[in-house]
PDB file of N, CA and C in Angstrom:
ATOM      1  N   MET A   1     -15.161   2.274 -10.386  1.00  0.00           N
ATOM      2  CA  MET A   1     -13.741   1.527  -9.924  1.00  0.00           C
ATOM      3  C   MET A   1     -13.058   2.462  -9.095  1.00  0.00           C
ATOM      4  N   LYS A   2     -12.418   1.857  -8.417  1.00  0.00           N
ATOM      5  CA  LYS A   2     -11.144   3.240  -7.540  1.00  0.00           C
ATOM      6  C   LYS A   2      -9.831   1.923  -7.986  1.00  0.00           C
ATOM      7  N   LYS A   3      -8.442   3.215  -7.270  1.00  0.00           N
ATOM      8  CA  LYS A   3      -7.825   2.144  -6.926  1.00  0.00           C
ATOM      9  C   LYS A   3      -7.367   2.415  -5.418  1.00  0.00           C
ATOM     10  N   ILE A   4      -6.370   2.315  -5.280  1.00  0.00           N
ATOM     11  CA  ILE A   4      -6.537   2.206  -3.641  1.00  0.00           C
ATOM     12  C   ILE A   4      -4.598   2.022  -3.709  1.00  0.00           C
ATOM     13  N   GLU A   5      -4.005   3.463  -2.683  1.00  0.00           N
ATOM     14  CA  GLU A   5      -2.625   3.276  -2.931  1.00  0.00           C
ATOM     15  C   GLU A   5      -2.664   3.316  -1.898  1.00  0.00           C
ATOM     16  N   ALA A   6      -1.630   2.659  -0.940  1.00  0.00           N
ATOM     17  CA  ALA A   6      -1.414   2.306   0.317  1.00  0.00           C
ATOM     18  C   ALA A   6      -0.252   2.249   0.948  1.00  0.00           C
ATOM     19  N   ILE A   7       0.579   3.303   1.599  1.00  0.00           N
ATOM     20  CA  ILE A   7       2.346   3.043   1.617  1.00  0.00           C
ATOM     21  C   ILE A   7       1.889   2.833   3.010  1.00  0.00           C
ATOM     22  N   ILE A   8       2.686   1.479   2.862  1.00  0.00           N
ATOM     23  CA  ILE A   8       2.870   0.143   5.006  1.00  0.00           C
ATOM     24  C   ILE A   8       4.227   0.789   5.240  1.00  0.00           C
ATOM     25  N   LYS A   9       4.411  -0.109   5.983  1.00  0.00           N
ATOM     26  CA  LYS A   9       5.839  -0.093   6.447  1.00  0.00           C
ATOM     27  C   LYS A   9       6.213  -1.596   6.368  1.00  0.00           C
ATOM     28  N   PRO A  10       7.545  -2.119   5.794  1.00  0.00           N
ATOM     29  CA  PRO A  10       7.957  -3.269   4.638  1.00  0.00           C
ATOM     30  C   PRO A  10       7.510  -4.444   5.966  1.00  0.00           C
ATOM     31  N   PHE A  11       7.567  -4.509   7.563  1.00  0.00           N
ATOM     32  CA  PHE A  11       6.920  -5.462   8.257  1.00  0.00           C
ATOM     33  C   PHE A  11       5.345  -6.257   7.906  1.00  0.00           C
ATOM     34  N   LYS A  12       4.426  -5.054   7.759  1.00  0.00           N
ATOM     35  CA  LYS A  12       3.323  -4.634   7.840  1.00  0.00           C
ATOM     36  C   LYS A  12       2.547  -5.497   6.416  1.00  0.00           C
ATOM     37  N   LEU A  13       2.970  -6.271   5.555  1.00  0.00           N
ATOM     38  CA  LEU A  13       3.216  -5.955   4.177  1.00  0.00           C
ATOM     39  C   LEU A  13       2.383  -7.571   4.311  1.00  0.00           C
ATOM     40  N   GLU A  14       3.071  -9.021   5.367  1.00  0.00           N
ATOM     41  CA  GLU A  14       2.338 -10.130   5.108  1.00  0.00           C
ATOM     42  C   GLU A  14       0.759  -9.763   6.333  1.00  0.00           C
ATOM     43  N   ASP A  15       0.883  -8.949   7.252  1.00  0.00           N
ATOM     44  CA  ASP A  15      -0.602  -8.658   8.231  1.00  0.00           C
ATOM     45  C   ASP A  15      -1.702  -7.857   6.725  1.00  0.00           C
ATOM     46  N   VAL A  16      -0.939  -7.201   6.288  1.00  0.00           N
ATOM     47  CA  VAL A  16      -2.509  -6.652   6.223  1.00  0.00           C
ATOM     48  C   VAL A  16      -2.985  -7.332   4.350  1.00  0.00           C
ATOM     49  N   LYS A  17      -1.881  -8.040   3.473  1.00  0.00           N
ATOM     50  CA  LYS A  17      -2.271  -9.325   2.856  1.00  0.00           C
ATOM     51  C   LYS A  17      -3.487 -10.351   4.009  1.00  0.00           C
ATOM     52  N   ASP A  18      -3.145 -10.507   4.281  1.00  0.00           N
ATOM     53  CA  ASP A  18      -3.579 -11.782   4.729  1.00  0.00           C
ATOM     54  C   ASP A  18      -4.890 -11.067   5.770  1.00  0.00           C
ATOM     55  N   ALA A  19      -4.753  -9.614   5.669  1.00  0.00           N
ATOM     56  CA  ALA A  19      -6.545  -9.140   5.934  1.00  0.00           C
ATOM     57  C   ALA A  19      -7.404  -8.698   5.714  1.00  0.00           C
ATOM     58  N   LEU A  20      -6.237  -8.458   4.204  1.00  0.00           N
ATOM     59  CA  LEU A  20      -7.806  -8.410   2.402  1.00  0.00           C
ATOM     60  C   LEU A  20      -7.516  -9.672   1.798  1.00  0.00           C
ATOM     61  N   SER A  21      -7.195 -10.748   2.166  1.00  0.00           N
ATOM     62  CA  SER A  21      -6.985 -12.100   1.393  1.00  0.00           C
ATOM     63  C   SER A  21      -8.795 -12.566   2.271  1.00  0.00           C
ATOM     64  N   SER A  22      -9.045 -12.012   3.642  1.00  0.00           N
ATOM     65  CA  SER A  22     -10.134 -12.308   4.739  1.00  0.00           C
ATOM     66  C   SER A  22     -11.048 -10.665   4.493  1.00  0.00           C
ATOM     67  N   VAL A  23     -10.889 -10.933   3.259  1.00  0.00           N
ATOM     68  CA  VAL A  23     -12.426  -9.090   3.596  1.00  0.00           C
ATOM     69  C   VAL A  23     -12.704  -9.600   1.679  1.00  0.00           C
ATOM     70  N   GLU A  24     -11.413 -10.992   1.093  1.00  0.00           N
ATOM     71  CA  GLU A  24     -11.491 -11.529  -0.563  1.00  0.00           C
ATOM     72  C   GLU A  24     -11.327 -10.801  -1.892  1.00  0.00           C
ATOM     73  N   ILE A  25     -10.722  -9.533  -0.780  1.00  0.00           N
ATOM     74  CA  ILE A  25      -9.600  -8.451  -2.372  1.00  0.00           C
ATOM     75  C   ILE A  25      -8.446  -9.611  -2.136  1.00  0.00           C
ATOM     76  N   THR A  26      -8.769 -10.461  -3.607  1.00  0.00           N
ATOM     77  CA  THR A  26      -6.838 -11.655  -3.909  1.00  0.00           C
ATOM     78  C   THR A  26      -6.187 -10.910  -4.770  1.00  0.00           C
ATOM     79  N   GLY A  27      -5.729  -9.548  -5.947  1.00  0.00           N
ATOM     80  CA  GLY A  27      -4.955  -9.598  -6.404  1.00  0.00           C
ATOM     81  C   GLY A  27      -4.623  -7.904  -6.025  1.00  0.00           C
ATOM     82  N   MET A  28      -2.936  -7.475  -6.303  1.00  0.00           N
ATOM     83  CA  MET A  28      -2.494  -6.625  -5.293  1.00  0.00           C
ATOM     84  C   MET A  28      -1.661  -6.400  -6.470  1.00  0.00           C
ATOM     85  N   THR A  29      -1.167  -5.702  -6.686  1.00  0.00           N
ATOM     86  CA  THR A  29       0.764  -5.708  -7.382  1.00  0.00           C
ATOM     87  C   THR A  29       1.728  -4.455  -5.704  1.00  0.00           C
ATOM     88  N   VAL A  30       2.437  -5.369  -5.655  1.00  0.00           N
ATOM     89  CA  VAL A  30       3.320  -4.111  -4.614  1.00  0.00           C
ATOM     90  C   VAL A  30       5.007  -4.265  -4.707  1.00  0.00           C
ATOM     91  N   HIS A  31       4.919  -3.106  -4.368  1.00  0.00           N
ATOM     92  CA  HIS A  31       6.626  -2.208  -5.245  1.00  0.00           C
ATOM     93  C   HIS A  31       7.231  -1.261  -3.264  1.00  0.00           C
ATOM     94  N   GLU A  32       8.343  -2.036  -4.153  1.00  0.00           N
ATOM     95  CA  GLU A  32       9.439  -2.056  -2.641  1.00  0.00           C
ATOM     96  C   GLU A  32      10.035  -0.122  -3.032  1.00  0.00           C
ATOM     97  N   VAL A  33       9.221   0.135  -2.633  1.00  0.00           N
ATOM     98  CA  VAL A  33      10.214   2.115  -2.922  1.00  0.00           C
ATOM     99  C   VAL A  33      10.210   2.423  -1.406  1.00  0.00           C
ATOM    100  N   LYS A  34      11.056   3.962  -1.852  1.00  0.00           N
ATOM    101  CA  LYS A  34      11.734   4.730  -0.491  1.00  0.00           C
ATOM    102  C   LYS A  34      11.078   6.150  -1.004  1.00  0.00           C
ATOM    103  N   GLY A  35      11.498   6.578   1.009  1.00  0.00           N
ATOM    104  CA  GLY A  35      10.709   7.847   1.017  1.00  0.00           C
ATOM    105  C   GLY A  35      10.356   8.356   2.161  1.00  0.00           C
ATOM    106  N   TYR A  36      10.118  10.306   2.913  1.00  0.00           N
ATOM    107  CA  TYR A  36       9.615  10.503   3.605  1.00  0.00           C
ATOM    108  C   TYR A  36       8.602  10.650   3.803  1.00  0.00           C
ATOM    109  N   GLY A  37       8.268  11.358   4.832  1.00  0.00           N
ATOM    110  CA  GLY A  37       7.203  12.445   5.431  1.00  0.00           C
ATOM    111  C   GLY A  37       7.676  13.563   6.694  1.00  0.00           C
ATOM    112  N   ARG A  38       6.609  13.223   7.215  1.00  0.00           N
ATOM    113  CA  ARG A  38       6.974  13.494   8.517  1.00  0.00           C
ATOM    114  C   ARG A  38       8.028  12.803   9.582  1.00  0.00           C
ATOM    115  N   GLN A  39       7.988  11.460   8.873  1.00  0.00           N
ATOM    116  CA  GLN A  39       9.278  10.905   9.993  1.00  0.00           C
ATOM    117  C   GLN A  39      10.865  11.506   9.329  1.00  0.00           C
ATOM    118  N   GLN A  40      10.939  12.577   8.579  1.00  0.00           N
ATOM    119  CA  GLN A  40      11.845  13.106   7.711  1.00  0.00           C
ATOM    120  C   GLN A  40      12.974  12.595   8.258  1.00  0.00           C
ATOM    121  N   GLY A  41      13.418  10.641   7.994  1.00  0.00           N
ATOM    122  CA  GLY A  41      14.619  10.142   8.166  1.00  0.00           C
ATOM    123  C   GLY A  41      15.406  10.372   8.998  1.00  0.00           C
ATOM    124  N   HIS A  42      16.944   9.882   9.089  1.00  0.00           N
ATOM    125  CA  HIS A  42      17.530   9.395  10.691  1.00  0.00           C
ATOM    126  C   HIS A  42      18.968   9.260  10.420  1.00  0.00           C
ATOM    127  N   SER A  43      19.657   9.665  11.653  1.00  0.00           N
ATOM    128  CA  SER A  43      20.898  10.087  11.540  1.00  0.00           C
ATOM    129  C   SER A  43      21.292   7.705  11.758  1.00  0.00           C
ATOM    130  N   GLU A  44      22.413   7.199  11.797  1.00  0.00           N
ATOM    131  CA  GLU A  44      23.283   6.077  11.686  1.00  0.00           C
ATOM    132  C   GLU A  44      24.501   6.454  12.031  1.00  0.00           C
ATOM    133  N   LEU A  45      25.245   5.743  12.432  1.00  0.00           N
ATOM    134  CA  LEU A  45      26.685   5.567  12.332  1.00  0.00           C
ATOM    135  C   LEU A  45      26.883   4.524  11.543  1.00  0.00           C
ATOM    136  N   TYR A  46      28.146   4.225  10.997  1.00  0.00           N
ATOM    137  CA  TYR A  46      28.423   3.112  10.169  1.00  0.00           C
ATOM    138  C   TYR A  46      30.129   3.468   9.822  1.00  0.00           C
ATOM    139  N   ARG A  47      30.915   2.557  10.920  1.00  0.00           N
ATOM    140  CA  ARG A  47      31.994   2.608  11.077  1.00  0.00           C
ATOM    141  C   ARG A  47      32.312   3.900  11.638  1.00  0.00           C
ATOM    142  N   GLY A  48      31.745   4.079  12.501  1.00  0.00           N
ATOM    143  CA  GLY A  48      32.811   5.317  12.823  1.00  0.00           C
ATOM    144  C   GLY A  48      32.413   6.983  12.458  1.00  0.00           C
ATOM    145  N   ALA A  49      31.301   6.933  10.944  1.00  0.00           N
ATOM    146  CA  ALA A  49      31.012   7.815   9.770  1.00  0.00           C
ATOM    147  C   ALA A  49      29.638   7.586  10.984  1.00  0.00           C
ATOM    148  N   GLU A  50      28.791   9.020  10.941  1.00  0.00           N
ATOM    149  CA  GLU A  50      28.124   9.184  11.195  1.00  0.00           C
ATOM    150  C   GLU A  50      27.096  10.108   9.589  1.00  0.00           C
ATOM    151  N   TYR A  51      25.670   9.366   8.911  1.00  0.00           N
ATOM    152  CA  TYR A  51      25.356   9.613   7.770  1.00  0.00           C
ATOM    153  C   TYR A  51      23.914   9.556   8.216  1.00  0.00           C
ATOM    154  N   VAL A  52      22.901  10.738   7.303  1.00  0.00           N
ATOM    155  CA  VAL A  52      22.017  11.004   7.373  1.00  0.00           C
ATOM    156  C   VAL A  52      20.972   9.638   6.274  1.00  0.00           C
ATOM    157  N   VAL A  53      20.419   9.189   6.593  1.00  0.00           N
ATOM    158  CA  VAL A  53      19.207   7.976   6.133  1.00  0.00           C
ATOM    159  C   VAL A  53      17.853   8.770   5.367  1.00  0.00           C
ATOM    160  N   ASP A  54      17.336   9.572   4.092  1.00  0.00           N
ATOM    161  CA  ASP A  54      16.576  10.371   4.214  1.00  0.00           C
ATOM    162  C   ASP A  54      15.471   9.442   3.300  1.00  0.00           C
ATOM    163  N   PHE A  55      15.718   8.981   3.059  1.00  0.00           N
ATOM    164  CA  PHE A  55      14.591   8.277   2.447  1.00  0.00           C
ATOM    165  C   PHE A  55      15.140   6.494   3.079  1.00  0.00           C
ATOM    166  N   LEU A  56      13.048   6.471   3.438  1.00  0.00           N
ATOM    167  CA  LEU A  56      13.390   4.533   4.335  1.00  0.00           C
ATOM    168  C   LEU A  56      12.503   4.162   3.604  1.00  0.00           C
ATOM    169  N   PRO A  57      12.716   2.789   3.944  1.00  0.00           N
ATOM    170  CA  PRO A  57      12.548   1.647   2.959  1.00  0.00           C
ATOM    171  C   PRO A  57      10.476   1.958   3.490  1.00  0.00           C
ATOM    172  N   LYS A  58       9.803   1.049   2.651  1.00  0.00           N
ATOM    173  CA  LYS A  58       8.697   1.806   2.855  1.00  0.00           C
ATOM    174  C   LYS A  58       7.537   0.303   1.434  1.00  0.00           C
ATOM    175  N   ILE A  59       6.433  -0.315   1.476  1.00  0.00           N
ATOM    176  CA  ILE A  59       6.474  -1.204   0.493  1.00  0.00           C
ATOM    177  C   ILE A  59       4.989  -0.297   0.013  1.00  0.00           C
ATOM    178  N   LYS A  60       5.094  -0.411  -0.892  1.00  0.00           N
ATOM    179  CA  LYS A  60       3.919   0.632  -1.211  1.00  0.00           C
ATOM    180  C   LYS A  60       2.354  -0.924  -2.256  1.00  0.00           C
ATOM    181  N   LEU A  61       1.296  -0.949  -2.179  1.00  0.00           N
ATOM    182  CA  LEU A  61      -0.036  -1.479  -2.895  1.00  0.00           C
ATOM    183  C   LEU A  61      -0.671  -1.046  -3.913  1.00  0.00           C
ATOM    184  N   ASP A  62      -0.956  -1.637  -4.520  1.00  0.00           N
ATOM    185  CA  ASP A  62      -1.847  -0.416  -5.918  1.00  0.00           C
ATOM    186  C   ASP A  62      -2.813  -2.053  -5.468  1.00  0.00           C
ATOM    187  N   ILE A  63      -4.348  -1.635  -5.806  1.00  0.00           N
ATOM    188  CA  ILE A  63      -5.218  -2.386  -5.217  1.00  0.00           C
ATOM    189  C   ILE A  63      -6.238  -1.460  -6.529  1.00  0.00           C
ATOM    190  N   VAL A  64      -7.721  -2.574  -7.149  1.00  0.00           N
ATOM    191  CA  VAL A  64      -8.637  -1.504  -7.583  1.00  0.00           C
ATOM    192  C   VAL A  64      -9.016  -2.406  -7.909  1.00  0.00           C
ATOM    193  N   VAL A  65     -10.790  -1.659  -7.038  1.00  0.00           N
ATOM    194  CA  VAL A  65     -11.519  -2.426  -6.694  1.00  0.00           C
ATOM    195  C   VAL A  65     -12.905  -1.815  -7.006  1.00  0.00           C
ATOM    196  N   ALA A  66     -14.580  -1.916  -6.957  1.00  0.00           N
ATOM    197  CA  ALA A  66     -15.355  -2.010  -6.602  1.00  0.00           C
ATOM    198  C   ALA A  66     -16.014  -0.427  -6.580  1.00  0.00           C
ATOM    199  N   ASP A  67     -16.069   0.534  -6.299  1.00  0.00           N
ATOM    200  CA  ASP A  67     -16.904   1.775  -5.002  1.00  0.00           C
ATOM    201  C   ASP A  67     -17.243   1.146  -3.685  1.00  0.00           C
ATOM    202  N   GLU A  68     -18.241  -0.535  -4.473  1.00  0.00           N
ATOM    203  CA  GLU A  68     -18.693  -0.868  -3.186  1.00  0.00           C
ATOM    204  C   GLU A  68     -18.400  -1.233  -1.889  1.00  0.00           C
ATOM    205  N   VAL A  69     -16.624  -1.927  -2.055  1.00  0.00           N
ATOM    206  CA  VAL A  69     -16.324  -2.151  -0.868  1.00  0.00           C
ATOM    207  C   VAL A  69     -14.362  -1.226  -0.751  1.00  0.00           C
ATOM    208  N   VAL A  70     -14.845   0.456  -1.698  1.00  0.00           N
ATOM    209  CA  VAL A  70     -13.080   1.121  -1.554  1.00  0.00           C
ATOM    210  C   VAL A  70     -13.924   1.255   0.454  1.00  0.00           C
ATOM    211  N   ASP A  71     -14.434   1.578   0.714  1.00  0.00           N
ATOM    212  CA  ASP A  71     -14.485   1.996   2.939  1.00  0.00           C
ATOM    213  C   ASP A  71     -14.459   0.601   3.146  1.00  0.00           C
ATOM    214  N   LYS A  72     -14.696  -0.598   2.894  1.00  0.00           N
ATOM    215  CA  LYS A  72     -14.230  -1.849   3.467  1.00  0.00           C
ATOM    216  C   LYS A  72     -12.446  -2.317   3.606  1.00  0.00           C
ATOM    217  N   VAL A  73     -11.791  -1.867   2.524  1.00  0.00           N
ATOM    218  CA  VAL A  73     -10.784  -1.964   2.193  1.00  0.00           C
ATOM    219  C   VAL A  73      -9.952  -1.438   3.248  1.00  0.00           C
ATOM    220  N   ILE A  74     -10.351  -0.297   2.895  1.00  0.00           N
ATOM    221  CA  ILE A  74      -9.235   1.315   3.215  1.00  0.00           C
ATOM    222  C   ILE A  74      -9.681   0.528   4.334  1.00  0.00           C
ATOM    223  N   ALA A  75     -10.386   1.261   5.798  1.00  0.00           N
ATOM    224  CA  ALA A  75     -10.807  -0.150   6.912  1.00  0.00           C
ATOM    225  C   ALA A  75      -9.418  -1.204   7.061  1.00  0.00           C
ATOM    226  N   THR A  76      -9.275  -2.399   6.916  1.00  0.00           N
ATOM    227  CA  THR A  76      -8.998  -3.716   5.745  1.00  0.00           C
ATOM    228  C   THR A  76      -7.279  -3.582   6.048  1.00  0.00           C
ATOM    229  N   ILE A  77      -7.164  -1.900   5.834  1.00  0.00           N
ATOM    230  CA  ILE A  77      -5.061  -1.523   5.082  1.00  0.00           C
ATOM    231  C   ILE A  77      -5.238  -1.265   6.579  1.00  0.00           C
ATOM    232  N   THR A  78      -6.053   0.291   7.060  1.00  0.00           N
ATOM    233  CA  THR A  78      -5.877   0.985   8.306  1.00  0.00           C
ATOM    234  C   THR A  78      -5.530  -0.355   9.102  1.00  0.00           C
ATOM    235  N   ASP A  79      -6.121  -0.806  10.054  1.00  0.00           N
ATOM    236  CA  ASP A  79      -7.104  -1.429  10.741  1.00  0.00           C
ATOM    237  C   ASP A  79      -5.069  -2.737  10.866  1.00  0.00           C
ATOM    238  N   ALA A  80      -4.755  -3.260   9.538  1.00  0.00           N
ATOM    239  CA  ALA A  80      -3.853  -4.443   9.719  1.00  0.00           C
ATOM    240  C   ALA A  80      -1.874  -3.846   9.890  1.00  0.00           C
ATOM    241  N   ALA A  81      -2.820  -2.359   8.892  1.00  0.00           N
ATOM    242  CA  ALA A  81      -0.805  -1.476   8.963  1.00  0.00           C
ATOM    243  C   ALA A  81      -0.890  -0.884  10.313  1.00  0.00           C
ATOM    244  N   LYS A  82      -1.432  -0.178  10.833  1.00  0.00           N
ATOM    245  CA  LYS A  82      -1.084   0.432  11.227  1.00  0.00           C
ATOM    246  C   LYS A  82       0.045  -0.321  12.867  1.00  0.00           C
ATOM    247  N   THR A  83       0.845   0.932  13.818  1.00  0.00           N
ATOM    248  CA  THR A  83       1.005   0.750  15.312  1.00  0.00           C
ATOM    249  C   THR A  83       0.942   1.754  15.561  1.00  0.00           C
ATOM    250  N   GLY A  84       0.471   2.876  15.305  1.00  0.00           N
ATOM    251  CA  GLY A  84       0.070   3.831  16.181  1.00  0.00           C
ATOM    252  C   GLY A  84       0.967   4.650  16.092  1.00  0.00           C
ATOM    253  N   LYS A  85       2.368   4.316  15.979  1.00  0.00           N
ATOM    254  CA  LYS A  85       3.459   5.440  15.490  1.00  0.00           C
ATOM    255  C   LYS A  85       3.908   6.150  14.350  1.00  0.00           C
ATOM    256  N   ILE A  86       4.833   7.453  14.150  1.00  0.00           N
ATOM    257  CA  ILE A  86       4.995   7.672  13.466  1.00  0.00           C
ATOM    258  C   ILE A  86       5.608   6.815  11.671  1.00  0.00           C
ATOM    259  N   GLY A  87       4.987   7.122  10.395  1.00  0.00           N
ATOM    260  CA  GLY A  87       5.407   6.478   9.472  1.00  0.00           C
ATOM    261  C   GLY A  87       5.038   5.636   8.841  1.00  0.00           C
ATOM    262  N   ASP A  88       3.727   5.210   9.583  1.00  0.00           N
ATOM    263  CA  ASP A  88       2.169   4.690   9.564  1.00  0.00           C
ATOM    264  C   ASP A  88       2.832   4.456   8.251  1.00  0.00           C
ATOM    265  N   GLY A  89       2.324   5.511   7.076  1.00  0.00           N
ATOM    266  CA  GLY A  89       2.301   5.605   5.923  1.00  0.00           C
ATOM    267  C   GLY A  89       0.138   6.440   6.267  1.00  0.00           C
ATOM    268  N   LYS A  90       0.586   6.207   3.984  1.00  0.00           N
ATOM    269  CA  LYS A  90      -1.338   7.265   4.519  1.00  0.00           C
ATOM    270  C   LYS A  90      -1.471   5.784   2.839  1.00  0.00           C
ATOM    271  N   ILE A  91      -2.560   6.118   2.581  1.00  0.00           N
ATOM    272  CA  ILE A  91      -3.292   5.741   1.841  1.00  0.00           C
ATOM    273  C   ILE A  91      -4.221   7.062   0.587  1.00  0.00           C
ATOM    274  N   PHE A  92      -4.792   6.188  -0.652  1.00  0.00           N
ATOM    275  CA  PHE A  92      -3.962   7.524  -1.270  1.00  0.00           C
ATOM    276  C   PHE A  92      -5.295   6.386  -2.165  1.00  0.00           C
ATOM    277  N   VAL A  93      -7.153   7.375  -3.103  1.00  0.00           N
ATOM    278  CA  VAL A  93      -7.635   6.935  -3.846  1.00  0.00           C
ATOM    279  C   VAL A  93      -8.300   7.814  -4.498  1.00  0.00           C
ATOM    280  N   SER A  94      -7.991   6.705  -5.504  1.00  0.00           N
ATOM    281  CA  SER A  94      -8.777   7.808  -6.519  1.00  0.00           C
ATOM    282  C   SER A  94      -9.124   6.397  -8.041  1.00  0.00           C
ATOM    283  N   ASN A  95     -10.218   7.336  -8.829  1.00  0.00           N
ATOM    284  CA  ASN A  95     -10.995   7.301 -10.230  1.00  0.00           C
ATOM    285  C   ASN A  95     -10.505   6.299 -10.968  1.00  0.00           C
ATOM    286  N   VAL A  96     -10.494   4.913 -11.388  1.00  0.00           N
ATOM    287  CA  VAL A  96      -9.923   3.643 -12.100  1.00  0.00           C
ATOM    288  C   VAL A  96     -11.037   3.810 -13.855  1.00  0.00           C
ATOM    289  N   GLU A  97     -10.507   4.218 -14.745  1.00  0.00           N
ATOM    290  CA  GLU A  97     -12.340   4.938 -15.454  1.00  0.00           C
ATOM    291  C   GLU A  97     -12.283   3.595 -16.255  1.00  0.00           C
ATOM    292  N   ARG A  98     -11.784   3.181 -17.195  1.00  0.00           N
ATOM    293  CA  ARG A  98     -10.557   1.399 -17.211  1.00  0.00           C
ATOM    294  C   ARG A  98      -9.531   0.847 -17.054  1.00  0.00           C
ATOM    295  N   VAL A  99     -10.279  -0.751 -17.613  1.00  0.00           N
ATOM    296  CA  VAL A  99      -9.711  -2.353 -16.333  1.00  0.00           C
ATOM    297  C   VAL A  99      -9.537  -3.265 -17.572  1.00  0.00           C
ATOM    298  N   ILE A 100      -8.608  -3.896 -18.815  1.00  0.00           N
ATOM    299  CA  ILE A 100      -8.559  -4.456 -19.837  1.00  0.00           C
ATOM    300  C   ILE A 100      -8.111  -5.840 -19.711  1.00  0.00           C
ATOM    301  N   ARG A 101      -8.300  -6.741 -19.104  1.00  0.00           N
ATOM    302  CA  ARG A 101      -7.991  -7.888 -18.899  1.00  0.00           C
ATOM    303  C   ARG A 101      -7.086  -8.469 -20.170  1.00  0.00           C
ATOM    304  N   ILE A 102      -6.123  -8.602 -20.536  1.00  0.00           N
ATOM    305  CA  ILE A 102      -5.265  -8.664 -21.593  1.00  0.00           C
ATOM    306  C   ILE A 102      -5.604 -10.044 -22.367  1.00  0.00           C
ATOM    307  N   ARG A 103      -5.456 -10.651 -21.041  1.00  0.00           N
ATOM    308  CA  ARG A 103      -5.899 -12.612 -21.463  1.00  0.00           C
ATOM    309  C   ARG A 103      -7.033 -13.058 -22.057  1.00  0.00           C
ATOM    310  N   THR A 104      -8.059 -12.322 -21.218  1.00  0.00           N
ATOM    311  CA  THR A 104      -9.453 -12.379 -22.076  1.00  0.00           C
ATOM    312  C   THR A 104     -10.456 -11.384 -22.461  1.00  0.00           C
ATOM    313  N   GLY A 105     -10.217 -10.326 -23.052  1.00  0.00           N
ATOM    314  CA  GLY A 105     -10.708  -9.080 -22.973  1.00  0.00           C
ATOM    315  C   GLY A 105     -11.137  -9.112 -22.136  1.00  0.00           C
ATOM    316  N   GLU A 106     -11.841  -8.712 -21.016  1.00  0.00           N
ATOM    317  CA  GLU A 106     -13.012  -9.135 -19.765  1.00  0.00           C
ATOM    318  C   GLU A 106     -12.761  -7.307 -19.554  1.00  0.00           C
ATOM    319  N   GLU A 107     -13.070  -6.454 -18.887  1.00  0.00           N
ATOM    320  CA  GLU A 107     -13.157  -5.166 -18.644  1.00  0.00           C
ATOM    321  C   GLU A 107     -13.662  -4.601 -17.330  1.00  0.00           C
ATOM    322  N   ASN A 108     -13.294  -3.804 -16.835  1.00  0.00           N
ATOM    323  CA  ASN A 108     -14.098  -2.783 -15.585  1.00  0.00           C
ATOM    324  C   ASN A 108     -14.017  -3.710 -14.851  1.00  0.00           C
ATOM    325  N   GLU A 109     -15.202  -4.188 -13.574  1.00  0.00           N
ATOM    326  CA  GLU A 109     -14.955  -5.028 -12.414  1.00  0.00           C
ATOM    327  C   GLU A 109     -15.223  -6.743 -13.294  1.00  0.00           C
ATOM    328  N   ASP A 110     -15.757  -6.798 -14.713  1.00  0.00           N
ATOM    329  CA  ASP A 110     -14.872  -8.862 -14.803  1.00  0.00           C
ATOM    330  C   ASP A 110     -13.284  -8.520 -15.257  1.00  0.00           C
ATOM    331  N   ALA A 111     -12.892  -7.715 -15.377  1.00  0.00           N
ATOM    332  CA  ALA A 111     -11.357  -7.703 -15.667  1.00  0.00           C
ATOM    333  C   ALA A 111     -10.781  -7.079 -14.161  1.00  0.00           C
ATOM    334  N   ILE A 112     -11.128  -6.970 -12.610  1.00  0.00           N
ATOM    335  CA  ILE A 112     -10.772  -6.791 -11.877  1.00  0.00           C
ATOM    336  C   ILE A 112      -9.992  -8.434 -11.110  1.00  0.00           C
TER     337      ILE A 112
END
């Protein structure tokens, strides 16, 4: 099993969610986060004063999937989240050793 963490632009969340549903990924955790990478933030004007916005709003998705569908999920997220502009985000993949569904006690892929 793998955990896929995707950092995407907030306005792309619905597109990504719909795309993942179409490939039968039905569960995910969504976090509102802030951060920056190559974008390095930007300057804004507020009541005549300029200030720097260092951390930009992003959405972080956590999805745990079976090894066989990892590449399909990555391609789906990439296609749905891509705008072609800086700040589209990143995808991280890591191993998951064990999953337990609290309600039933099911484990691993049965618990996803």
